[in-house]
Amino acid sequence: PRAQVLKIADLVDYQDGSVVSRIVVKAETGNVTLFAFDEGQDLSEHTVPFDGLVHVLDGEVEIKISGKLFHLRTGDAIVMPANEPHAVKAVKRFKMLLTMIRA
């Protein structure tokens, strides 16, 4: 949706036992993706060649970056540096907005 006010956290719903995602903006220079994780769901450790900004919109999550564990709650944000291994695990159901910058 463009040129309209968005209730960003309402653009994706929780689903039992699942991770749900929705691309909000897609461009050559980067993407903005909204995620909803059910409690206990995770993304295993991986790397990407771009910086990513995670903004927690709801709930609680543990994010591990290069072996260091971070606990984030609603309103918190963290930058996941390019080429550093990271993993995500929902402590409770949570929603995040991920902004990936390719340039």
N, C-alpha and C. Protein backbone atom coordinates (compact mmCIF):
# COMPACT_ATOMS: atom_id res chain seq x y z
N PRO A 1 0.84 -1.21 0.00
CA PRO A 1 0.00 0.00 0.00
C PRO A 1 0.86 1.25 0.00
N ARG A 2 0.53 2.18 -0.85
CA ARG A 2 1.31 3.42 -0.94
C ARG A 2 0.41 4.62 -0.68
N ALA A 3 1.03 5.68 -0.19
CA ALA A 3 0.37 6.95 0.06
C ALA A 3 -0.89 6.80 0.90
N GLN A 4 -0.76 6.00 1.96
CA GLN A 4 -1.85 5.87 2.92
C GLN A 4 -1.26 5.54 4.29
N VAL A 5 -2.00 5.91 5.33
CA VAL A 5 -1.56 5.63 6.69
C VAL A 5 -1.77 4.14 6.96
N LEU A 6 -0.74 3.50 7.50
CA LEU A 6 -0.79 2.07 7.76
C LEU A 6 -0.72 1.80 9.26
N LYS A 7 -1.47 0.87 9.72
CA LYS A 7 -1.30 0.29 11.06
C LYS A 7 -0.40 -0.93 10.82
N ILE A 8 0.90 -0.69 10.80
CA ILE A 8 1.86 -1.66 10.27
C ILE A 8 1.75 -3.03 10.93
N ALA A 9 1.58 -3.09 12.24
CA ALA A 9 1.51 -4.38 12.92
C ALA A 9 0.25 -5.16 12.55
N ASP A 10 -0.76 -4.46 12.05
CA ASP A 10 -2.02 -5.13 11.66
C ASP A 10 -1.97 -5.72 10.26
N LEU A 11 -0.87 -5.51 9.53
CA LEU A 11 -0.78 -6.02 8.16
C LEU A 11 -0.45 -7.51 8.09
N VAL A 12 -0.10 -8.10 9.24
CA VAL A 12 0.17 -9.54 9.28
C VAL A 12 -0.39 -10.09 10.59
N ASP A 13 -0.97 -11.28 10.52
CA ASP A 13 -1.56 -11.92 11.69
C ASP A 13 -0.71 -13.09 12.16
N TYR A 14 -0.79 -13.38 13.45
CA TYR A 14 -0.15 -14.57 13.99
C TYR A 14 -0.88 -15.81 13.49
N GLN A 15 -0.11 -16.89 13.27
CA GLN A 15 -0.68 -18.19 12.95
C GLN A 15 -0.01 -19.22 13.85
N ASP A 16 -0.81 -20.08 14.46
CA ASP A 16 -0.28 -21.09 15.37
C ASP A 16 0.81 -21.92 14.70
N GLY A 17 1.95 -22.05 15.40
CA GLY A 17 3.03 -22.89 14.93
C GLY A 17 3.74 -22.42 13.68
N SER A 18 3.62 -21.14 13.35
CA SER A 18 4.15 -20.65 12.07
C SER A 18 4.89 -19.33 12.19
N VAL A 19 5.65 -19.05 11.15
CA VAL A 19 6.23 -17.73 10.90
C VAL A 19 5.54 -17.22 9.64
N VAL A 20 4.97 -16.03 9.74
CA VAL A 20 4.26 -15.42 8.61
C VAL A 20 5.02 -14.17 8.20
N SER A 21 5.15 -13.93 6.90
CA SER A 21 5.83 -12.72 6.44
C SER A 21 5.03 -12.04 5.34
N ARG A 22 5.24 -10.74 5.24
CA ARG A 22 4.60 -9.94 4.20
C ARG A 22 5.56 -8.82 3.80
N ILE A 23 5.88 -8.75 2.51
CA ILE A 23 6.73 -7.68 2.01
C ILE A 23 5.89 -6.41 1.92
N VAL A 24 6.40 -5.34 2.54
CA VAL A 24 5.71 -4.06 2.53
C VAL A 24 6.27 -3.17 1.42
N VAL A 25 7.60 -3.19 1.26
CA VAL A 25 8.27 -2.42 0.21
C VAL A 25 9.36 -3.30 -0.38
N LYS A 26 9.42 -3.35 -1.71
CA LYS A 26 10.46 -4.13 -2.39
C LYS A 26 11.09 -3.23 -3.44
N ALA A 27 12.42 -3.08 -3.38
CA ALA A 27 13.14 -2.24 -4.33
C ALA A 27 14.52 -2.82 -4.55
N GLU A 28 15.21 -2.37 -5.60
CA GLU A 28 16.57 -2.84 -5.86
C GLU A 28 17.51 -2.53 -4.71
N THR A 29 17.28 -1.42 -4.02
CA THR A 29 18.18 -0.99 -2.96
C THR A 29 17.84 -1.58 -1.60
N GLY A 30 16.73 -2.31 -1.49
CA GLY A 30 16.39 -2.94 -0.22
C GLY A 30 14.92 -3.31 -0.11
N ASN A 31 14.60 -4.00 0.96
CA ASN A 31 13.23 -4.45 1.21
C ASN A 31 12.83 -4.10 2.64
N VAL A 32 11.52 -3.96 2.83
CA VAL A 32 10.94 -3.83 4.16
C VAL A 32 9.92 -4.97 4.27
N THR A 33 10.14 -5.85 5.25
CA THR A 33 9.29 -7.03 5.40
C THR A 33 8.77 -7.10 6.83
N LEU A 34 7.50 -7.41 6.94
CA LEU A 34 6.84 -7.58 8.23
C LEU A 34 6.74 -9.07 8.54
N PHE A 35 7.09 -9.46 9.77
CA PHE A 35 7.02 -10.85 10.19
C PHE A 35 6.18 -10.99 11.45
N ALA A 36 5.48 -12.14 11.57
CA ALA A 36 4.79 -12.52 12.80
C ALA A 36 5.23 -13.95 13.13
N PHE A 37 5.84 -14.14 14.30
CA PHE A 37 6.33 -15.43 14.76
C PHE A 37 5.45 -15.93 15.91
N ASP A 38 5.00 -17.17 15.83
CA ASP A 38 4.33 -17.76 16.97
C ASP A 38 5.40 -18.08 18.02
N GLU A 39 4.99 -18.18 19.29
CA GLU A 39 5.91 -18.49 20.37
C GLU A 39 6.69 -19.76 20.07
N GLY A 40 8.02 -19.69 20.25
CA GLY A 40 8.89 -20.85 20.04
C GLY A 40 9.39 -21.01 18.61
N GLN A 41 8.82 -20.29 17.67
CA GLN A 41 9.27 -20.38 16.28
C GLN A 41 10.61 -19.66 16.13
N ASP A 42 11.39 -20.07 15.13
CA ASP A 42 12.70 -19.46 14.97
C ASP A 42 13.14 -19.44 13.52
N LEU A 43 14.19 -18.69 13.28
CA LEU A 43 14.96 -18.73 12.03
C LEU A 43 16.35 -19.16 12.44
N SER A 44 16.83 -20.26 11.87
CA SER A 44 18.14 -20.78 12.24
C SER A 44 19.25 -19.81 11.81
N GLU A 45 20.41 -20.02 12.39
CA GLU A 45 21.54 -19.13 12.12
C GLU A 45 21.88 -19.09 10.63
N HIS A 46 22.07 -17.87 10.14
CA HIS A 46 22.41 -17.66 8.74
C HIS A 46 23.11 -16.31 8.60
N THR A 47 23.63 -16.03 7.42
CA THR A 47 24.22 -14.73 7.14
C THR A 47 23.59 -14.17 5.87
N VAL A 48 23.63 -12.86 5.77
CA VAL A 48 23.19 -12.18 4.54
C VAL A 48 24.21 -11.09 4.24
N PRO A 49 24.36 -10.73 2.97
CA PRO A 49 25.39 -9.75 2.60
C PRO A 49 24.97 -8.29 2.78
N PHE A 50 23.89 -8.05 3.54
CA PHE A 50 23.37 -6.69 3.72
C PHE A 50 23.06 -6.43 5.19
N ASP A 51 23.18 -5.18 5.61
CA ASP A 51 22.73 -4.80 6.95
C ASP A 51 21.22 -4.94 7.04
N GLY A 52 20.73 -5.30 8.22
CA GLY A 52 19.29 -5.38 8.45
C GLY A 52 18.94 -4.72 9.76
N LEU A 53 17.89 -3.92 9.75
CA LEU A 53 17.38 -3.27 10.95
C LEU A 53 16.11 -4.00 11.37
N VAL A 54 16.11 -4.57 12.58
CA VAL A 54 14.93 -5.23 13.13
C VAL A 54 14.29 -4.28 14.13
N HIS A 55 12.99 -4.03 13.95
CA HIS A 55 12.22 -3.23 14.89
C HIS A 55 11.09 -4.11 15.42
N VAL A 56 11.09 -4.37 16.72
CA VAL A 56 10.09 -5.24 17.33
C VAL A 56 8.82 -4.43 17.56
N LEU A 57 7.73 -4.86 16.94
CA LEU A 57 6.45 -4.15 17.02
C LEU A 57 5.57 -4.70 18.14
N ASP A 58 5.78 -5.97 18.51
CA ASP A 58 4.95 -6.61 19.51
C ASP A 58 5.67 -7.85 20.03
N GLY A 59 5.59 -8.11 21.33
CA GLY A 59 6.10 -9.35 21.88
C GLY A 59 7.56 -9.33 22.30
N GLU A 60 8.17 -10.53 22.36
CA GLU A 60 9.55 -10.68 22.81
C GLU A 60 10.31 -11.67 21.94
N VAL A 61 11.58 -11.36 21.70
CA VAL A 61 12.41 -12.19 20.83
C VAL A 61 13.85 -12.21 21.34
N GLU A 62 14.52 -13.33 21.11
CA GLU A 62 15.96 -13.41 21.32
C GLU A 62 16.61 -13.43 19.95
N ILE A 63 17.58 -12.55 19.77
CA ILE A 63 18.34 -12.49 18.53
C ILE A 63 19.81 -12.71 18.88
N LYS A 64 20.42 -13.68 18.23
CA LYS A 64 21.83 -13.96 18.44
C LYS A 64 22.59 -13.45 17.22
N ILE A 65 23.60 -12.61 17.48
CA ILE A 65 24.43 -12.05 16.42
C ILE A 65 25.88 -12.36 16.75
N SER A 66 26.54 -13.11 15.87
CA SER A 66 27.95 -13.50 16.08
C SER A 66 28.17 -14.07 17.48
N GLY A 67 27.23 -14.91 17.94
CA GLY A 67 27.37 -15.59 19.22
C GLY A 67 26.89 -14.80 20.43
N LYS A 68 26.56 -13.53 20.26
CA LYS A 68 26.09 -12.70 21.38
C LYS A 68 24.56 -12.66 21.36
N LEU A 69 23.94 -12.93 22.52
CA LEU A 69 22.48 -13.01 22.63
C LEU A 69 21.91 -11.67 23.07
N PHE A 70 20.86 -11.22 22.37
CA PHE A 70 20.15 -9.98 22.69
C PHE A 70 18.68 -10.32 22.93
N HIS A 71 18.09 -9.75 23.98
CA HIS A 71 16.68 -9.96 24.29
C HIS A 71 15.95 -8.65 23.99
N LEU A 72 15.03 -8.67 23.04
CA LEU A 72 14.30 -7.47 22.63
C LEU A 72 12.82 -7.62 22.93
N ARG A 73 12.20 -6.48 23.26
CA ARG A 73 10.77 -6.41 23.53
C ARG A 73 10.15 -5.33 22.66
N THR A 74 8.84 -5.24 22.72
CA THR A 74 8.09 -4.24 21.96
C THR A 74 8.77 -2.87 22.04
N GLY A 75 9.02 -2.28 20.88
CA GLY A 75 9.64 -0.95 20.80
C GLY A 75 11.14 -0.97 20.61
N ASP A 76 11.79 -2.10 20.89
CA ASP A 76 13.24 -2.20 20.74
C ASP A 76 13.62 -2.41 19.27
N ALA A 77 14.86 -2.05 18.95
CA ALA A 77 15.38 -2.26 17.59
C ALA A 77 16.86 -2.63 17.70
N ILE A 78 17.35 -3.32 16.67
CA ILE A 78 18.76 -3.70 16.61
C ILE A 78 19.17 -3.81 15.15
N VAL A 79 20.43 -3.46 14.88
CA VAL A 79 21.00 -3.63 13.54
C VAL A 79 21.74 -4.97 13.51
N MET A 80 21.42 -5.77 12.51
CA MET A 80 22.15 -7.02 12.28
C MET A 80 23.13 -6.74 11.15
N PRO A 81 24.43 -6.69 11.47
CA PRO A 81 25.42 -6.32 10.46
C PRO A 81 25.55 -7.35 9.34
N ALA A 82 25.86 -6.84 8.17
CA ALA A 82 26.09 -7.70 7.01
C ALA A 82 27.18 -8.72 7.31
N ASN A 83 26.99 -9.92 6.77
CA ASN A 83 27.98 -11.00 6.81
C ASN A 83 28.29 -11.53 8.21
N GLU A 84 27.48 -11.17 9.22
CA GLU A 84 27.66 -11.73 10.55
C GLU A 84 26.53 -12.74 10.79
N PRO A 85 26.85 -13.93 11.31
CA PRO A 85 25.81 -14.92 11.53
C PRO A 85 24.82 -14.44 12.58
N HIS A 86 23.54 -14.70 12.31
CA HIS A 86 22.50 -14.31 13.25
C HIS A 86 21.35 -15.32 13.20
N ALA A 87 20.62 -15.38 14.31
CA ALA A 87 19.47 -16.27 14.44
C ALA A 87 18.40 -15.55 15.24
N VAL A 88 17.15 -15.96 15.04
CA VAL A 88 16.00 -15.31 15.68
C VAL A 88 15.14 -16.39 16.33
N LYS A 89 14.72 -16.17 17.60
CA LYS A 89 13.81 -17.11 18.27
C LYS A 89 12.77 -16.34 19.07
N ALA A 90 11.50 -16.68 18.84
CA ALA A 90 10.39 -16.03 19.55
C ALA A 90 10.30 -16.55 20.98
N VAL A 91 10.55 -15.68 21.96
CA VAL A 91 10.37 -16.01 23.36
C VAL A 91 8.87 -16.08 23.64
N LYS A 92 8.15 -15.10 23.12
CA LYS A 92 6.69 -15.06 23.09
C LYS A 92 6.32 -14.72 21.65
N ARG A 93 5.06 -14.81 21.31
CA ARG A 93 4.66 -14.35 19.98
C ARG A 93 5.23 -12.95 19.77
N PHE A 94 5.75 -12.70 18.58
CA PHE A 94 6.25 -11.35 18.32
C PHE A 94 6.11 -11.00 16.84
N LYS A 95 6.07 -9.69 16.61
CA LYS A 95 6.06 -9.15 15.26
C LYS A 95 7.25 -8.23 15.11
N MET A 96 7.87 -8.29 13.93
CA MET A 96 9.00 -7.40 13.68
C MET A 96 8.91 -6.84 12.26
N LEU A 97 9.45 -5.67 12.11
CA LEU A 97 9.61 -5.05 10.81
C LEU A 97 11.10 -5.11 10.50
N LEU A 98 11.44 -5.77 9.39
CA LEU A 98 12.84 -5.93 8.99
C LEU A 98 13.10 -5.06 7.76
N THR A 99 14.07 -4.16 7.91
CA THR A 99 14.49 -3.31 6.79
C THR A 99 15.87 -3.75 6.36
N MET A 100 15.97 -4.23 5.11
CA MET A 100 17.25 -4.68 4.55
C MET A 100 17.74 -3.61 3.57
N ILE A 101 18.98 -3.18 3.76
CA ILE A 101 19.57 -2.17 2.89
C ILE A 101 20.64 -2.83 2.03
N ARG A 102 20.47 -2.77 0.71
CA ARG A 102 21.42 -3.42 -0.20
C ARG A 102 22.49 -2.48 -0.73
N ALA A 103 22.28 -1.21 -0.60
CA ALA A 103 23.22 -0.24 -1.18
C ALA A 103 24.28 0.16 -0.19
